[in-house]
Amino acid sequence: MLDFDNFINKPCVEIFGREATYIPANNDFDSFVIKGDFHKDYKGIKADSSEVEISSNEIVLFVRDVSMPPEYSKANQGDFVEIETTRYQIIDIQQHIPGSKKLILHESSESSD
């Protein structure tokens, strides 16, 4: 079986990824740095229908599952990521290819402290 994470995810994040500060909404956890493939205007196309293609533009961050630290092993809806000087809230989490998640983001009005 193909190891998607090491064969596809890892090289993509190493080449296209950028560092982001992951900020859990639960204040019991400290923020930490992860690396992910960030797209401010990602266009997803759903071709589930035989008649009409549906497309949408989203702000997304693709992250490898192994990027999450053991003490905070999975991304949660409502958490934040800060990329450069902009803070985004995670509004949805979708399975991407095996070994990675697609974090759908919304620019947050909450200041970066």
PDB file of N, CA and C in Angstrom:
ATOM      1  N   MET A   1       0.840  -1.187   0.000  1.00  0.00           N
ATOM      2  CA  MET A   1       0.000   0.000   0.000  1.00  0.00           C
ATOM      3  C   MET A   1       0.885   1.252   0.000  1.00  0.00           C
ATOM      4  N   LEU A   2       0.501   2.235  -0.759  1.00  0.00           N
ATOM      5  CA  LEU A   2       1.259   3.473  -0.887  1.00  0.00           C
ATOM      6  C   LEU A   2       1.204   4.272   0.410  1.00  0.00           C
ATOM      7  N   ASP A   3       2.334   4.745   0.869  1.00  0.00           N
ATOM      8  CA  ASP A   3       2.428   5.593   2.059  1.00  0.00           C
ATOM      9  C   ASP A   3       2.223   7.046   1.616  1.00  0.00           C
ATOM     10  N   PHE A   4       0.955   7.470   1.542  1.00  0.00           N
ATOM     11  CA  PHE A   4       0.617   8.807   1.061  1.00  0.00           C
ATOM     12  C   PHE A   4       1.319   9.897   1.855  1.00  0.00           C
ATOM     13  N   ASP A   5       1.383   9.716   3.176  1.00  0.00           N
ATOM     14  CA  ASP A   5       1.935  10.777   4.006  1.00  0.00           C
ATOM     15  C   ASP A   5       3.385  11.066   3.647  1.00  0.00           C
ATOM     16  N   ASN A   6       4.214  10.047   3.577  1.00  0.00           N
ATOM     17  CA  ASN A   6       5.631  10.275   3.285  1.00  0.00           C
ATOM     18  C   ASN A   6       5.909  10.509   1.804  1.00  0.00           C
ATOM     19  N   PHE A   7       5.084   9.944   0.927  1.00  0.00           N
ATOM     20  CA  PHE A   7       5.323  10.060  -0.504  1.00  0.00           C
ATOM     21  C   PHE A   7       4.733  11.344  -1.095  1.00  0.00           C
ATOM     22  N   ILE A   8       3.593  11.805  -0.549  1.00  0.00           N
ATOM     23  CA  ILE A   8       2.915  12.970  -1.119  1.00  0.00           C
ATOM     24  C   ILE A   8       2.882  14.146  -0.144  1.00  0.00           C
ATOM     25  N   ASN A   9       2.321  13.936   1.053  1.00  0.00           N
ATOM     26  CA  ASN A   9       2.142  15.040   2.003  1.00  0.00           C
ATOM     27  C   ASN A   9       3.454  15.682   2.424  1.00  0.00           C
ATOM     28  N   LYS A  10       4.397  14.862   2.850  1.00  0.00           N
ATOM     29  CA  LYS A  10       5.655  15.386   3.379  1.00  0.00           C
ATOM     30  C   LYS A  10       6.394  16.259   2.356  1.00  0.00           C
ATOM     31  N   PRO A  11       6.620  15.782   1.112  1.00  0.00           N
ATOM     32  CA  PRO A  11       7.311  16.646   0.141  1.00  0.00           C
ATOM     33  C   PRO A  11       6.533  17.921  -0.191  1.00  0.00           C
ATOM     34  N   CYS A  12       5.209  17.828  -0.280  1.00  0.00           N
ATOM     35  CA  CYS A  12       4.404  19.020  -0.594  1.00  0.00           C
ATOM     36  C   CYS A  12       4.556  20.080   0.488  1.00  0.00           C
ATOM     37  N   VAL A  13       4.474  19.660   1.752  1.00  0.00           N
ATOM     38  CA  VAL A  13       4.599  20.616   2.850  1.00  0.00           C
ATOM     39  C   VAL A  13       6.025  21.155   2.923  1.00  0.00           C
ATOM     40  N   GLU A  14       7.010  20.301   2.669  1.00  0.00           N
ATOM     41  CA  GLU A  14       8.399  20.777   2.690  1.00  0.00           C
ATOM     42  C   GLU A  14       8.659  21.802   1.589  1.00  0.00           C
ATOM     43  N   ILE A  15       8.044  21.618   0.424  1.00  0.00           N
ATOM     44  CA  ILE A  15       8.269  22.529  -0.703  1.00  0.00           C
ATOM     45  C   ILE A  15       7.381  23.772  -0.615  1.00  0.00           C
ATOM     46  N   PHE A  16       6.085  23.571  -0.399  1.00  0.00           N
ATOM     47  CA  PHE A  16       5.131  24.676  -0.470  1.00  0.00           C
ATOM     48  C   PHE A  16       4.692  25.207   0.891  1.00  0.00           C
ATOM     49  N   GLY A  17       5.025  24.498   1.947  1.00  0.00           N
ATOM     50  CA  GLY A  17       4.519  24.850   3.268  1.00  0.00           C
ATOM     51  C   GLY A  17       5.126  26.115   3.842  1.00  0.00           C
ATOM     52  N   ARG A  18       4.413  26.659   4.800  1.00  0.00           N
ATOM     53  CA  ARG A  18       4.918  27.801   5.561  1.00  0.00           C
ATOM     54  C   ARG A  18       4.551  27.591   7.021  1.00  0.00           C
ATOM     55  N   GLU A  19       5.319  28.226   7.884  1.00  0.00           N
ATOM     56  CA  GLU A  19       5.073  28.071   9.311  1.00  0.00           C
ATOM     57  C   GLU A  19       3.849  28.863   9.725  1.00  0.00           C
ATOM     58  N   ALA A  20       3.117  28.290  10.661  1.00  0.00           N
ATOM     59  CA  ALA A  20       1.945  28.938  11.237  1.00  0.00           C
ATOM     60  C   ALA A  20       1.958  28.672  12.734  1.00  0.00           C
ATOM     61  N   THR A  21       1.466  29.623  13.490  1.00  0.00           N
ATOM     62  CA  THR A  21       1.306  29.418  14.923  1.00  0.00           C
ATOM     63  C   THR A  21      -0.095  28.873  15.147  1.00  0.00           C
ATOM     64  N   TYR A  22      -0.172  27.704  15.773  1.00  0.00           N
ATOM     65  CA  TYR A  22      -1.462  27.076  16.069  1.00  0.00           C
ATOM     66  C   TYR A  22      -1.845  27.495  17.478  1.00  0.00           C
ATOM     67  N   ILE A  23      -3.037  28.068  17.635  1.00  0.00           N
ATOM     68  CA  ILE A  23      -3.491  28.598  18.919  1.00  0.00           C
ATOM     69  C   ILE A  23      -4.777  27.883  19.323  1.00  0.00           C
ATOM     70  N   PRO A  24      -4.689  26.934  20.264  1.00  0.00           N
ATOM     71  CA  PRO A  24      -5.900  26.250  20.719  1.00  0.00           C
ATOM     72  C   PRO A  24      -6.877  27.237  21.366  1.00  0.00           C
ATOM     73  N   ALA A  25      -8.164  27.051  21.122  1.00  0.00           N
ATOM     74  CA  ALA A  25      -9.184  27.887  21.757  1.00  0.00           C
ATOM     75  C   ALA A  25      -9.234  27.608  23.256  1.00  0.00           C
ATOM     76  N   ASN A  26      -8.891  26.389  23.646  1.00  0.00           N
ATOM     77  CA  ASN A  26      -8.840  26.005  25.052  1.00  0.00           C
ATOM     78  C   ASN A  26      -7.546  26.553  25.644  1.00  0.00           C
ATOM     79  N   ASN A  27      -7.665  27.517  26.549  1.00  0.00           N
ATOM     80  CA  ASN A  27      -6.497  28.180  27.127  1.00  0.00           C
ATOM     81  C   ASN A  27      -5.642  27.283  28.005  1.00  0.00           C
ATOM     82  N   ASP A  28      -6.077  26.048  28.246  1.00  0.00           N
ATOM     83  CA  ASP A  28      -5.259  25.107  29.015  1.00  0.00           C
ATOM     84  C   ASP A  28      -4.057  24.625  28.201  1.00  0.00           C
ATOM     85  N   PHE A  29      -4.066  24.880  26.909  1.00  0.00           N
ATOM     86  CA  PHE A  29      -2.990  24.435  26.018  1.00  0.00           C
ATOM     87  C   PHE A  29      -2.233  25.641  25.472  1.00  0.00           C
ATOM     88  N   ASP A  30      -0.927  25.498  25.360  1.00  0.00           N
ATOM     89  CA  ASP A  30      -0.086  26.554  24.795  1.00  0.00           C
ATOM     90  C   ASP A  30      -0.124  26.501  23.268  1.00  0.00           C
ATOM     91  N   SER A  31       0.160  27.634  22.653  1.00  0.00           N
ATOM     92  CA  SER A  31       0.271  27.663  21.193  1.00  0.00           C
ATOM     93  C   SER A  31       1.562  26.960  20.779  1.00  0.00           C
ATOM     94  N   PHE A  32       1.620  26.554  19.527  1.00  0.00           N
ATOM     95  CA  PHE A  32       2.794  25.864  19.001  1.00  0.00           C
ATOM     96  C   PHE A  32       2.903  26.147  17.507  1.00  0.00           C
ATOM     97  N   VAL A  33       4.058  25.871  16.954  1.00  0.00           N
ATOM     98  CA  VAL A  33       4.303  26.128  15.530  1.00  0.00           C
ATOM     99  C   VAL A  33       4.106  24.837  14.741  1.00  0.00           C
ATOM    100  N   ILE A  34       3.356  24.953  13.645  1.00  0.00           N
ATOM    101  CA  ILE A  34       3.200  23.841  12.706  1.00  0.00           C
ATOM    102  C   ILE A  34       3.560  24.366  11.318  1.00  0.00           C
ATOM    103  N   LYS A  35       3.723  23.458  10.392  1.00  0.00           N
ATOM    104  CA  LYS A  35       3.989  23.850   9.011  1.00  0.00           C
ATOM    105  C   LYS A  35       2.886  23.265   8.147  1.00  0.00           C
ATOM    106  N   GLY A  36       2.336  24.085   7.260  1.00  0.00           N
ATOM    107  CA  GLY A  36       1.269  23.617   6.394  1.00  0.00           C
ATOM    108  C   GLY A  36       1.280  24.340   5.060  1.00  0.00           C
ATOM    109  N   ASP A  37       0.511  23.819   4.141  1.00  0.00           N
ATOM    110  CA  ASP A  37       0.381  24.384   2.797  1.00  0.00           C
ATOM    111  C   ASP A  37      -0.825  25.321   2.805  1.00  0.00           C
ATOM    112  N   PHE A  38      -0.566  26.635   2.792  1.00  0.00           N
ATOM    113  CA  PHE A  38      -1.594  27.661   2.960  1.00  0.00           C
ATOM    114  C   PHE A  38      -2.043  28.205   1.610  1.00  0.00           C
ATOM    115  N   HIS A  39      -3.363  28.350   1.460  1.00  0.00           N
ATOM    116  CA  HIS A  39      -3.945  28.935   0.244  1.00  0.00           C
ATOM    117  C   HIS A  39      -5.011  29.929   0.666  1.00  0.00           C
ATOM    118  N   LYS A  40      -4.822  31.184   0.309  1.00  0.00           N
ATOM    119  CA  LYS A  40      -5.796  32.212   0.680  1.00  0.00           C
ATOM    120  C   LYS A  40      -7.009  32.220  -0.254  1.00  0.00           C
ATOM    121  N   ASP A  41      -6.859  31.668  -1.441  1.00  0.00           N
ATOM    122  CA  ASP A  41      -7.960  31.658  -2.408  1.00  0.00           C
ATOM    123  C   ASP A  41      -8.018  30.287  -3.079  1.00  0.00           C
ATOM    124  N   TYR A  42      -8.213  29.247  -2.265  1.00  0.00           N
ATOM    125  CA  TYR A  42      -8.235  27.870  -2.761  1.00  0.00           C
ATOM    126  C   TYR A  42      -9.563  27.610  -3.453  1.00  0.00           C
ATOM    127  N   LYS A  43      -9.496  27.097  -4.662  1.00  0.00           N
ATOM    128  CA  LYS A  43     -10.720  26.815  -5.413  1.00  0.00           C
ATOM    129  C   LYS A  43     -10.955  25.318  -5.424  1.00  0.00           C
ATOM    130  N   GLY A  44     -12.018  24.913  -4.772  1.00  0.00           N
ATOM    131  CA  GLY A  44     -12.402  23.510  -4.758  1.00  0.00           C
ATOM    132  C   GLY A  44     -13.534  23.280  -5.735  1.00  0.00           C
ATOM    133  N   ILE A  45     -13.460  22.204  -6.481  1.00  0.00           N
ATOM    134  CA  ILE A  45     -14.514  21.881  -7.445  1.00  0.00           C
ATOM    135  C   ILE A  45     -15.104  20.537  -7.080  1.00  0.00           C
ATOM    136  N   LYS A  46     -16.421  20.516  -6.934  1.00  0.00           N
ATOM    137  CA  LYS A  46     -17.125  19.266  -6.652  1.00  0.00           C
ATOM    138  C   LYS A  46     -17.837  18.846  -7.925  1.00  0.00           C
ATOM    139  N   ALA A  47     -17.461  17.705  -8.420  1.00  0.00           N
ATOM    140  CA  ALA A  47     -18.069  17.210  -9.655  1.00  0.00           C
ATOM    141  C   ALA A  47     -18.962  16.012  -9.352  1.00  0.00           C
ATOM    142  N   ASP A  48     -19.649  16.060  -8.209  1.00  0.00           N
ATOM    143  CA  ASP A  48     -20.518  14.957  -7.809  1.00  0.00           C
ATOM    144  C   ASP A  48     -21.747  14.854  -8.705  1.00  0.00           C
ATOM    145  N   SER A  49     -22.158  15.968  -9.233  1.00  0.00           N
ATOM    146  CA  SER A  49     -23.346  15.998 -10.074  1.00  0.00           C
ATOM    147  C   SER A  49     -22.939  15.792 -11.529  1.00  0.00           C
ATOM    148  N   SER A  50     -23.731  15.048 -12.244  1.00  0.00           N
ATOM    149  CA  SER A  50     -23.423  14.830 -13.659  1.00  0.00           C
ATOM    150  C   SER A  50     -23.814  16.041 -14.507  1.00  0.00           C
ATOM    151  N   GLU A  51     -24.563  16.968 -13.910  1.00  0.00           N
ATOM    152  CA  GLU A  51     -25.043  18.107 -14.682  1.00  0.00           C
ATOM    153  C   GLU A  51     -24.234  19.384 -14.473  1.00  0.00           C
ATOM    154  N   VAL A  52     -23.948  19.721 -13.212  1.00  0.00           N
ATOM    155  CA  VAL A  52     -23.350  21.015 -12.920  1.00  0.00           C
ATOM    156  C   VAL A  52     -22.176  20.852 -11.962  1.00  0.00           C
ATOM    157  N   GLU A  53     -21.068  21.513 -12.290  1.00  0.00           N
ATOM    158  CA  GLU A  53     -19.945  21.551 -11.359  1.00  0.00           C
ATOM    159  C   GLU A  53     -20.195  22.669 -10.354  1.00  0.00           C
ATOM    160  N   ILE A  54     -19.877  22.417  -9.096  1.00  0.00           N
ATOM    161  CA  ILE A  54     -20.026  23.421  -8.055  1.00  0.00           C
ATOM    162  C   ILE A  54     -18.628  23.774  -7.571  1.00  0.00           C
ATOM    163  N   SER A  55     -18.300  25.056  -7.565  1.00  0.00           N
ATOM    164  CA  SER A  55     -16.977  25.457  -7.098  1.00  0.00           C
ATOM    165  C   SER A  55     -17.118  26.470  -5.973  1.00  0.00           C
ATOM    166  N   SER A  56     -16.084  26.528  -5.139  1.00  0.00           N
ATOM    167  CA  SER A  56     -16.075  27.497  -4.052  1.00  0.00           C
ATOM    168  C   SER A  56     -14.640  27.923  -3.796  1.00  0.00           C
ATOM    169  N   ASN A  57     -14.478  29.143  -3.332  1.00  0.00           N
ATOM    170  CA  ASN A  57     -13.163  29.643  -2.962  1.00  0.00           C
ATOM    171  C   ASN A  57     -13.101  29.716  -1.444  1.00  0.00           C
ATOM    172  N   GLU A  58     -12.014  29.199  -0.878  1.00  0.00           N
ATOM    173  CA  GLU A  58     -11.876  29.135   0.571  1.00  0.00           C
ATOM    174  C   GLU A  58     -10.454  29.501   0.965  1.00  0.00           C
ATOM    175  N   ILE A  59     -10.309  29.867   2.227  1.00  0.00           N
ATOM    176  CA  ILE A  59      -8.988  30.023   2.822  1.00  0.00           C
ATOM    177  C   ILE A  59      -8.710  28.700   3.515  1.00  0.00           C
ATOM    178  N   VAL A  60      -7.627  28.027   3.144  1.00  0.00           N
ATOM    179  CA  VAL A  60      -7.356  26.696   3.694  1.00  0.00           C
ATOM    180  C   VAL A  60      -5.890  26.546   4.094  1.00  0.00           C
ATOM    181  N   LEU A  61      -5.677  25.629   5.025  1.00  0.00           N
ATOM    182  CA  LEU A  61      -4.337  25.219   5.419  1.00  0.00           C
ATOM    183  C   LEU A  61      -4.345  23.701   5.452  1.00  0.00           C
ATOM    184  N   PHE A  62      -3.512  23.090   4.613  1.00  0.00           N
ATOM    185  CA  PHE A  62      -3.373  21.634   4.612  1.00  0.00           C
ATOM    186  C   PHE A  62      -2.252  21.279   5.580  1.00  0.00           C
ATOM    187  N   VAL A  63      -2.550  20.420   6.543  1.00  0.00           N
ATOM    188  CA  VAL A  63      -1.543  20.030   7.532  1.00  0.00           C
ATOM    189  C   VAL A  63      -1.444  18.516   7.609  1.00  0.00           C
ATOM    190  N   ARG A  64      -0.231  18.054   7.865  1.00  0.00           N
ATOM    191  CA  ARG A  64      -0.008  16.621   8.076  1.00  0.00           C
ATOM    192  C   ARG A  64      -0.448  16.273   9.490  1.00  0.00           C
ATOM    193  N   ASP A  65      -1.066  15.117   9.650  1.00  0.00           N
ATOM    194  CA  ASP A  65      -1.487  14.667  10.979  1.00  0.00           C
ATOM    195  C   ASP A  65      -0.309  14.597  11.937  1.00  0.00           C
ATOM    196  N   VAL A  66       0.862  14.190  11.442  1.00  0.00           N
ATOM    197  CA  VAL A  66       2.039  14.057  12.306  1.00  0.00           C
ATOM    198  C   VAL A  66       2.611  15.409  12.725  1.00  0.00           C
ATOM    199  N   SER A  67       2.108  16.511  12.156  1.00  0.00           N
ATOM    200  CA  SER A  67       2.572  17.841  12.559  1.00  0.00           C
ATOM    201  C   SER A  67       2.028  18.256  13.916  1.00  0.00           C
ATOM    202  N   MET A  68       0.938  17.634  14.313  1.00  0.00           N
ATOM    203  CA  MET A  68       0.326  17.990  15.591  1.00  0.00           C
ATOM    204  C   MET A  68       1.119  17.330  16.724  1.00  0.00           C
ATOM    205  N   PRO A  69       1.395  18.076  17.796  1.00  0.00           N
ATOM    206  CA  PRO A  69       2.175  17.507  18.901  1.00  0.00           C
ATOM    207  C   PRO A  69       1.364  16.487  19.695  1.00  0.00           C
ATOM    208  N   PRO A  70       2.035  15.578  20.386  1.00  0.00           N
ATOM    209  CA  PRO A  70       1.327  14.529  21.142  1.00  0.00           C
ATOM    210  C   PRO A  70       0.334  15.082  22.165  1.00  0.00           C
ATOM    211  N   GLU A  71       0.659  16.213  22.783  1.00  0.00           N
ATOM    212  CA  GLU A  71      -0.239  16.773  23.807  1.00  0.00           C
ATOM    213  C   GLU A  71      -1.467  17.459  23.209  1.00  0.00           C
ATOM    214  N   TYR A  72      -1.482  17.676  21.903  1.00  0.00           N
ATOM    215  CA  TYR A  72      -2.629  18.273  21.209  1.00  0.00           C
ATOM    216  C   TYR A  72      -2.683  17.628  19.836  1.00  0.00           C
ATOM    217  N   SER A  73      -3.132  16.389  19.802  1.00  0.00           N
ATOM    218  CA  SER A  73      -2.924  15.529  18.636  1.00  0.00           C
ATOM    219  C   SER A  73      -3.852  15.765  17.447  1.00  0.00           C
ATOM    220  N   LYS A  74      -4.888  16.584  17.616  1.00  0.00           N
ATOM    221  CA  LYS A  74      -5.752  16.832  16.457  1.00  0.00           C
ATOM    222  C   LYS A  74      -6.273  18.258  16.469  1.00  0.00           C
ATOM    223  N   ALA A  75      -6.451  18.790  15.275  1.00  0.00           N
ATOM    224  CA  ALA A  75      -7.005  20.133  15.125  1.00  0.00           C
ATOM    225  C   ALA A  75      -8.472  20.113  15.531  1.00  0.00           C
ATOM    226  N   ASN A  76      -8.932  21.229  16.071  1.00  0.00           N
ATOM    227  CA  ASN A  76     -10.321  21.340  16.503  1.00  0.00           C
ATOM    228  C   ASN A  76     -10.973  22.572  15.900  1.00  0.00           C
ATOM    229  N   GLN A  77     -12.234  22.417  15.550  1.00  0.00           N
ATOM    230  CA  GLN A  77     -13.017  23.537  15.070  1.00  0.00           C
ATOM    231  C   GLN A  77     -13.059  24.582  16.182  1.00  0.00           C
ATOM    232  N   GLY A  78     -12.865  25.845  15.844  1.00  0.00           N
ATOM    233  CA  GLY A  78     -12.865  26.917  16.832  1.00  0.00           C
ATOM    234  C   GLY A  78     -11.468  27.341  17.254  1.00  0.00           C
ATOM    235  N   ASP A  79     -10.464  26.505  16.985  1.00  0.00           N
ATOM    236  CA  ASP A  79      -9.077  26.883  17.252  1.00  0.00           C
ATOM    237  C   ASP A  79      -8.651  27.935  16.227  1.00  0.00           C
ATOM    238  N   PHE A  80      -7.461  28.484  16.428  1.00  0.00           N
ATOM    239  CA  PHE A  80      -6.947  29.531  15.550  1.00  0.00           C
ATOM    240  C   PHE A  80      -5.590  29.143  14.982  1.00  0.00           C
ATOM    241  N   VAL A  81      -5.268  29.695  13.830  1.00  0.00           N
ATOM    242  CA  VAL A  81      -3.906  29.646  13.304  1.00  0.00           C
ATOM    243  C   VAL A  81      -3.537  31.072  12.915  1.00  0.00           C
ATOM    244  N   GLU A  82      -2.291  31.401  13.151  1.00  0.00           N
ATOM    245  CA  GLU A  82      -1.802  32.718  12.769  1.00  0.00           C
ATOM    246  C   GLU A  82      -0.717  32.533  11.726  1.00  0.00           C
ATOM    247  N   ILE A  83      -0.925  33.137  10.575  1.00  0.00           N
ATOM    248  CA  ILE A  83       0.010  33.036   9.461  1.00  0.00           C
ATOM    249  C   ILE A  83       0.459  34.450   9.132  1.00  0.00           C
ATOM    250  N   GLU A  84       1.778  34.646   9.220  1.00  0.00           N
ATOM    251  CA  GLU A  84       2.362  35.979   9.137  1.00  0.00           C
ATOM    252  C   GLU A  84       1.725  36.812  10.248  1.00  0.00           C
ATOM    253  N   THR A  85       0.965  37.832   9.953  1.00  0.00           N
ATOM    254  CA  THR A  85       0.368  38.645  11.022  1.00  0.00           C
ATOM    255  C   THR A  85      -1.151  38.526  11.059  1.00  0.00           C
ATOM    256  N   THR A  86      -1.700  37.586  10.325  1.00  0.00           N
ATOM    257  CA  THR A  86      -3.155  37.445  10.257  1.00  0.00           C
ATOM    258  C   THR A  86      -3.600  36.210  11.022  1.00  0.00           C
ATOM    259  N   ARG A  87      -4.629  36.391  11.834  1.00  0.00           N
ATOM    260  CA  ARG A  87      -5.182  35.281  12.606  1.00  0.00           C
ATOM    261  C   ARG A  87      -6.448  34.777  11.916  1.00  0.00           C
ATOM    262  N   TYR A  88      -6.542  33.442  11.817  1.00  0.00           N
ATOM    263  CA  TYR A  88      -7.692  32.786  11.200  1.00  0.00           C
ATOM    264  C   TYR A  88      -8.288  31.806  12.199  1.00  0.00           C
ATOM    265  N   GLN A  89      -9.605  31.675  12.160  1.00  0.00           N
ATOM    266  CA  GLN A  89     -10.274  30.667  12.985  1.00  0.00           C
ATOM    267  C   GLN A  89     -10.602  29.462  12.115  1.00  0.00           C
ATOM    268  N   ILE A  90     -10.435  28.281  12.688  1.00  0.00           N
ATOM    269  CA  ILE A  90     -10.768  27.047  11.973  1.00  0.00           C
ATOM    270  C   ILE A  90     -12.277  26.862  12.048  1.00  0.00           C
ATOM    271  N   ILE A  91     -12.940  26.897  10.894  1.00  0.00           N
ATOM    272  CA  ILE A  91     -14.392  26.751  10.878  1.00  0.00           C
ATOM    273  C   ILE A  91     -14.836  25.362  10.435  1.00  0.00           C
ATOM    274  N   ASP A  92     -13.934  24.608   9.817  1.00  0.00           N
ATOM    275  CA  ASP A  92     -14.260  23.238   9.420  1.00  0.00           C
ATOM    276  C   ASP A  92     -12.960  22.470   9.226  1.00  0.00           C
ATOM    277  N   ILE A  93     -13.036  21.179   9.447  1.00  0.00           N
ATOM    278  CA  ILE A  93     -11.886  20.295   9.257  1.00  0.00           C
ATOM    279  C   ILE A  93     -12.348  19.141   8.388  1.00  0.00           C
ATOM    280  N   GLN A  94     -11.650  18.918   7.293  1.00  0.00           N
ATOM    281  CA  GLN A  94     -12.019  17.842   6.378  1.00  0.00           C
ATOM    282  C   GLN A  94     -10.835  16.919   6.163  1.00  0.00           C
ATOM    283  N   GLN A  95     -11.144  15.656   5.979  1.00  0.00           N
ATOM    284  CA  GLN A  95     -10.103  14.690   5.632  1.00  0.00           C
ATOM    285  C   GLN A  95      -9.580  15.054   4.254  1.00  0.00           C
ATOM    286  N   HIS A  96      -8.272  15.081   4.133  1.00  0.00           N
ATOM    287  CA  HIS A  96      -7.655  15.326   2.831  1.00  0.00           C
ATOM    288  C   HIS A  96      -7.162  13.965   2.357  1.00  0.00           C
ATOM    289  N   ILE A  97      -6.063  13.888   1.698  1.00  0.00           N
ATOM    290  CA  ILE A  97      -5.531  12.573   1.357  1.00  0.00           C
ATOM    291  C   ILE A  97      -5.037  11.915   2.644  1.00  0.00           C
ATOM    292  N   PRO A  98      -4.896  10.597   2.678  1.00  0.00           N
ATOM    293  CA  PRO A  98      -4.513   9.922   3.924  1.00  0.00           C
ATOM    294  C   PRO A  98      -3.285  10.556   4.576  1.00  0.00           C
ATOM    295  N   GLY A  99      -3.424  10.838   5.873  1.00  0.00           N
ATOM    296  CA  GLY A  99      -2.326  11.418   6.635  1.00  0.00           C
ATOM    297  C   GLY A  99      -2.358  12.925   6.732  1.00  0.00           C
ATOM    298  N   SER A 100      -3.423  13.548   6.210  1.00  0.00           N
ATOM    299  CA  SER A 100      -3.492  15.012   6.282  1.00  0.00           C
ATOM    300  C   SER A 100      -4.933  15.491   6.432  1.00  0.00           C
ATOM    301  N   LYS A 101      -5.045  16.730   6.880  1.00  0.00           N
ATOM    302  CA  LYS A 101      -6.345  17.371   7.045  1.00  0.00           C
ATOM    303  C   LYS A 101      -6.359  18.686   6.279  1.00  0.00           C
ATOM    304  N   LYS A 102      -7.544  19.062   5.850  1.00  0.00           N
ATOM    305  CA  LYS A 102      -7.776  20.358   5.215  1.00  0.00           C
ATOM    306  C   LYS A 102      -8.498  21.210   6.252  1.00  0.00           C
ATOM    307  N   LEU A 103      -7.812  22.230   6.756  1.00  0.00           N
ATOM    308  CA  LEU A 103      -8.417  23.144   7.721  1.00  0.00           C
ATOM    309  C   LEU A 103      -9.012  24.307   6.940  1.00  0.00           C
ATOM    310  N   ILE A 104     -10.314  24.473   7.040  1.00  0.00           N
ATOM    311  CA  ILE A 104     -10.977  25.583   6.363  1.00  0.00           C
ATOM    312  C   ILE A 104     -11.022  26.737   7.356  1.00  0.00           C
ATOM    313  N   LEU A 105     -10.519  27.880   6.908  1.00  0.00           N
ATOM    314  CA  LEU A 105     -10.294  29.008   7.804  1.00  0.00           C
ATOM    315  C   LEU A 105     -11.176  30.198   7.458  1.00  0.00           C
ATOM    316  N   HIS A 106     -11.348  31.045   8.462  1.00  0.00           N
ATOM    317  CA  HIS A 106     -12.051  32.311   8.289  1.00  0.00           C
ATOM    318  C   HIS A 106     -11.214  33.370   8.988  1.00  0.00           C
ATOM    319  N   GLU A 107     -10.955  34.465   8.302  1.00  0.00           N
ATOM    320  CA  GLU A 107     -10.147  35.516   8.919  1.00  0.00           C
ATOM    321  C   GLU A 107     -10.840  36.004  10.184  1.00  0.00           C
ATOM    322  N   SER A 108     -10.096  36.050  11.254  1.00  0.00           N
ATOM    323  CA  SER A 108     -10.656  36.376  12.560  1.00  0.00           C
ATOM    324  C   SER A 108     -10.464  37.848  12.876  1.00  0.00           C
ATOM    325  N   SER A 109     -11.465  38.421  13.525  1.00  0.00           N
ATOM    326  CA  SER A 109     -11.333  39.806  13.974  1.00  0.00           C
ATOM    327  C   SER A 109     -10.621  39.860  15.322  1.00  0.00           C
ATOM    328  N   GLU A 110     -10.434  38.681  15.941  1.00  0.00           N
ATOM    329  CA  GLU A 110      -9.746  38.621  17.229  1.00  0.00           C
ATOM    330  C   GLU A 110      -8.289  39.005  17.027  1.00  0.00           C
ATOM    331  N   SER A 111      -7.794  39.873  17.894  1.00  0.00           N
ATOM    332  CA  SER A 111      -6.411  40.337  17.741  1.00  0.00           C
ATOM    333  C   SER A 111      -5.429  39.249  18.104  1.00  0.00           C
ATOM    334  N   SER A 112      -4.226  39.349  17.573  1.00  0.00           N
ATOM    335  CA  SER A 112      -3.184  38.392  17.919  1.00  0.00           C
ATOM    336  C   SER A 112      -2.423  38.930  19.116  1.00  0.00           C
ATOM    337  N   ASP A 113      -2.559  38.224  20.234  1.00  0.00           N
ATOM    338  CA  ASP A 113      -1.922  38.662  21.490  1.00  0.00           C
ATOM    339  C   ASP A 113      -0.574  38.032  21.637  1.00  0.00           C
TER     340      ASP A 113
END
